[in-house]
Amino acid sequence: MDQIDLDIISFLQTDGRMPFTDIAKALDVSEGTVRNRVARLVQDRVLQIVGMVDPYRLGFDAPAVISVSVQPPLLESVANTISKFPEVSYLIMVSGEFDLLVEVMCKDRDHLATFLNEKLLRVPGITNSQTSMVLHTYKIAYGALPNLEGEPGEGYTNDA
């Protein structure tokens, strides 16, 4: 991955629907170069272009974050099972007191209670969980990489 790839990613982080012609003009490369590089980045799973939604505007009034403890030998199996639940929008392994962090989108508190009692807590290997209701969302950046330093087209620096 070179500077042009990083700049393309930076532009698409700002606006995933930005025309390749606009990106090409800003970077002083051809539209074909941008198109081919985006295709390669997507194929290599470096980049995924998705539409992000506000769950509240879709009627999901009970989003929650659930911390889950798992019996160590069953971690992969538990994560695989949880990842298949349609309510789950985000699932990561974490360090610390819990093993997994699960973000769920539920229509209401009844839906959340049903999800917890009839799905999540019935997964073999789960030993403990802690559920936190999402009260307010300050930022949604689902699936987005961190800003690659500066504005699109300014380039990536690895100064830390």
Protein backbone atom coordinates (compact mmCIF):
# COMPACT_ATOMS: atom_id res chain seq x y z
CA MET A 1 0.00 0.00 0.00
CA ASP A 2 1.42 3.36 -0.98
CA GLN A 3 0.56 7.03 -0.43
CA ILE A 4 -2.03 7.09 -3.22
CA ASP A 5 -3.88 4.14 -1.64
CA LEU A 6 -3.84 5.88 1.73
CA ASP A 7 -5.14 9.11 0.20
CA ILE A 8 -7.93 7.27 -1.64
CA ILE A 9 -8.95 5.58 1.61
CA SER A 10 -8.92 8.94 3.36
CA PHE A 11 -11.26 10.46 0.77
CA LEU A 12 -13.64 7.50 0.95
CA GLN A 13 -13.70 7.70 4.75
CA THR A 14 -15.02 11.23 4.40
CA ASP A 15 -17.57 10.29 1.71
CA GLY A 16 -17.90 6.67 0.63
CA ARG A 17 -19.90 7.76 -2.42
CA MET A 18 -17.35 10.32 -3.65
CA PRO A 19 -16.97 9.93 -7.43
CA PHE A 20 -13.70 8.39 -8.52
CA THR A 21 -13.30 11.27 -10.96
CA ASP A 22 -13.27 13.75 -8.05
CA ILE A 23 -10.71 11.68 -6.15
CA ALA A 24 -8.57 11.33 -9.27
CA LYS A 25 -8.62 15.07 -9.89
CA ALA A 26 -7.66 15.86 -6.28
CA LEU A 27 -4.77 13.35 -6.39
CA ASP A 28 -3.70 14.20 -9.95
CA VAL A 29 -4.09 10.63 -11.18
CA SER A 30 -6.43 9.02 -13.71
CA GLU A 31 -9.94 7.88 -12.84
CA GLY A 32 -8.90 4.38 -13.94
CA THR A 33 -6.08 4.41 -11.40
CA VAL A 34 -8.54 5.23 -8.61
CA ARG A 35 -11.07 2.63 -9.84
CA ASN A 36 -8.43 -0.12 -10.07
CA ARG A 37 -6.92 0.70 -6.69
CA VAL A 38 -10.31 0.77 -4.96
CA ALA A 39 -11.17 -2.58 -6.56
CA ARG A 40 -7.88 -4.05 -5.30
CA LEU A 41 -8.36 -2.60 -1.80
CA VAL A 42 -11.87 -4.07 -1.64
CA GLN A 43 -10.70 -7.44 -3.00
CA ASP A 44 -7.84 -7.55 -0.48
CA ARG A 45 -10.35 -6.70 2.28
CA VAL A 46 -8.42 -3.56 3.24
CA LEU A 47 -11.45 -1.42 2.36
CA GLN A 48 -15.16 -1.99 2.71
CA ILE A 49 -17.63 0.64 1.56
CA VAL A 50 -20.87 0.44 3.53
CA GLY A 51 -23.89 2.55 4.33
CA MET A 52 -24.11 3.49 7.99
CA VAL A 53 -27.44 4.05 9.68
CA ASP A 54 -28.62 5.63 12.88
CA PRO A 55 -30.41 2.77 14.69
CA TYR A 56 -32.82 5.14 16.45
CA ARG A 57 -34.04 6.56 13.13
CA LEU A 58 -34.82 3.01 12.01
CA GLY A 59 -36.90 2.33 15.10
CA PHE A 60 -34.30 0.40 17.08
CA ASP A 61 -34.88 1.98 20.48
CA ALA A 62 -32.91 -0.51 22.58
CA PRO A 63 -29.35 -0.79 21.33
CA ALA A 64 -27.03 -2.28 23.91
CA VAL A 65 -23.43 -3.26 24.51
CA ILE A 66 -22.94 -6.60 26.21
CA SER A 67 -19.70 -7.72 27.82
CA VAL A 68 -19.40 -11.51 27.83
CA SER A 69 -17.15 -13.94 29.72
CA VAL A 70 -16.48 -17.29 28.08
CA GLN A 71 -14.89 -20.58 29.12
CA PRO A 72 -11.47 -20.28 27.41
CA PRO A 73 -11.54 -23.41 25.24
CA LEU A 74 -14.93 -22.38 23.82
CA LEU A 75 -14.12 -18.78 22.83
CA GLU A 76 -14.03 -19.33 19.06
CA SER A 77 -17.17 -21.46 19.11
CA VAL A 78 -19.06 -18.91 21.22
CA ALA A 79 -17.93 -16.01 19.01
CA ASN A 80 -18.96 -17.92 15.88
CA THR A 81 -22.43 -18.61 17.31
CA ILE A 82 -22.96 -15.03 18.51
CA SER A 83 -21.84 -13.59 15.16
CA LYS A 84 -24.77 -15.33 13.46
CA PHE A 85 -27.48 -13.61 15.52
CA PRO A 86 -29.16 -10.93 13.39
CA GLU A 87 -29.32 -8.52 16.33
CA VAL A 88 -25.51 -8.45 16.57
CA SER A 89 -23.93 -5.54 14.71
CA TYR A 90 -20.44 -5.68 16.22
CA LEU A 91 -18.49 -8.44 17.93
CA ILE A 92 -14.90 -8.24 19.14
CA MET A 93 -12.57 -10.13 21.44
CA VAL A 94 -11.20 -7.88 24.18
CA SER A 95 -8.73 -8.10 27.03
CA GLY A 96 -9.62 -7.49 30.64
CA GLU A 97 -12.46 -8.73 32.81
CA PHE A 98 -14.55 -9.93 29.84
CA ASP A 99 -13.65 -11.86 26.69
CA LEU A 100 -16.10 -10.52 24.12
CA LEU A 101 -17.83 -7.23 23.50
CA VAL A 102 -21.14 -7.54 21.67
CA GLU A 103 -23.13 -4.63 20.25
CA VAL A 104 -26.78 -5.43 19.54
CA MET A 105 -29.60 -3.52 17.88
CA CYS A 106 -32.99 -4.36 19.38
CA LYS A 107 -36.37 -2.79 18.61
CA ASP A 108 -37.32 -2.31 22.26
CA ARG A 109 -36.57 -3.56 25.77
CA ASP A 110 -38.76 -6.64 25.29
CA HIS A 111 -36.78 -7.55 22.18
CA LEU A 112 -33.52 -7.05 24.13
CA ALA A 113 -34.75 -9.22 27.02
CA THR A 114 -35.80 -11.94 24.60
CA PHE A 115 -32.44 -11.76 22.83
CA LEU A 116 -30.56 -12.06 26.13
CA ASN A 117 -32.65 -14.84 27.65
CA GLU A 118 -33.53 -16.93 24.62
CA LYS A 119 -30.44 -16.52 22.47
CA LEU A 120 -27.27 -15.10 24.00
CA LEU A 121 -27.39 -16.66 27.46
CA ARG A 122 -28.23 -20.07 26.00
CA VAL A 123 -24.94 -20.24 24.10
CA PRO A 124 -22.85 -23.02 25.65
CA GLY A 125 -19.64 -21.67 27.16
CA ILE A 126 -20.88 -18.26 28.31
CA THR A 127 -20.19 -17.90 32.04
CA ASN A 128 -21.12 -14.28 32.70
CA SER A 129 -22.45 -11.18 30.96
CA GLN A 130 -23.05 -7.52 31.68
CA THR A 131 -25.49 -5.51 29.57
CA SER A 132 -25.35 -1.74 29.13
CA MET A 133 -28.14 0.07 27.32
CA VAL A 134 -26.96 2.72 24.86
CA LEU A 135 -28.48 6.00 26.05
CA HIS A 136 -26.97 8.39 23.52
CA THR A 137 -24.70 8.02 20.49
CA TYR A 138 -22.08 10.70 20.04
CA LYS A 139 -20.33 9.19 17.04
CA ILE A 140 -21.07 6.43 14.57
CA ALA A 141 -18.07 5.23 12.59
CA TYR A 142 -18.99 1.60 12.11
CA GLY A 143 -16.42 -0.22 10.02
CA ALA A 144 -14.35 2.91 9.39
CA LEU A 145 -10.62 3.02 9.82
CA PRO A 146 -9.14 5.77 11.97
CA ASN A 147 -8.43 9.05 10.21
CA LEU A 148 -5.12 8.57 8.44
CA GLU A 149 -3.75 11.86 9.76
CA GLY A 150 -5.00 15.12 8.37
CA GLU A 151 -7.50 15.90 5.65
CA PRO A 152 -7.96 13.71 2.57
CA GLY A 153 -5.09 14.17 0.17
CA GLU A 154 -2.69 15.53 2.80
CA GLY A 155 -0.97 12.20 3.20
CA TYR A 156 -0.33 9.77 5.97
CA THR A 157 2.29 10.33 8.59
CA ASN A 158 3.23 7.82 11.22
CA ASP A 159 4.44 10.34 13.79
CA ALA A 160 3.34 9.26 17.23
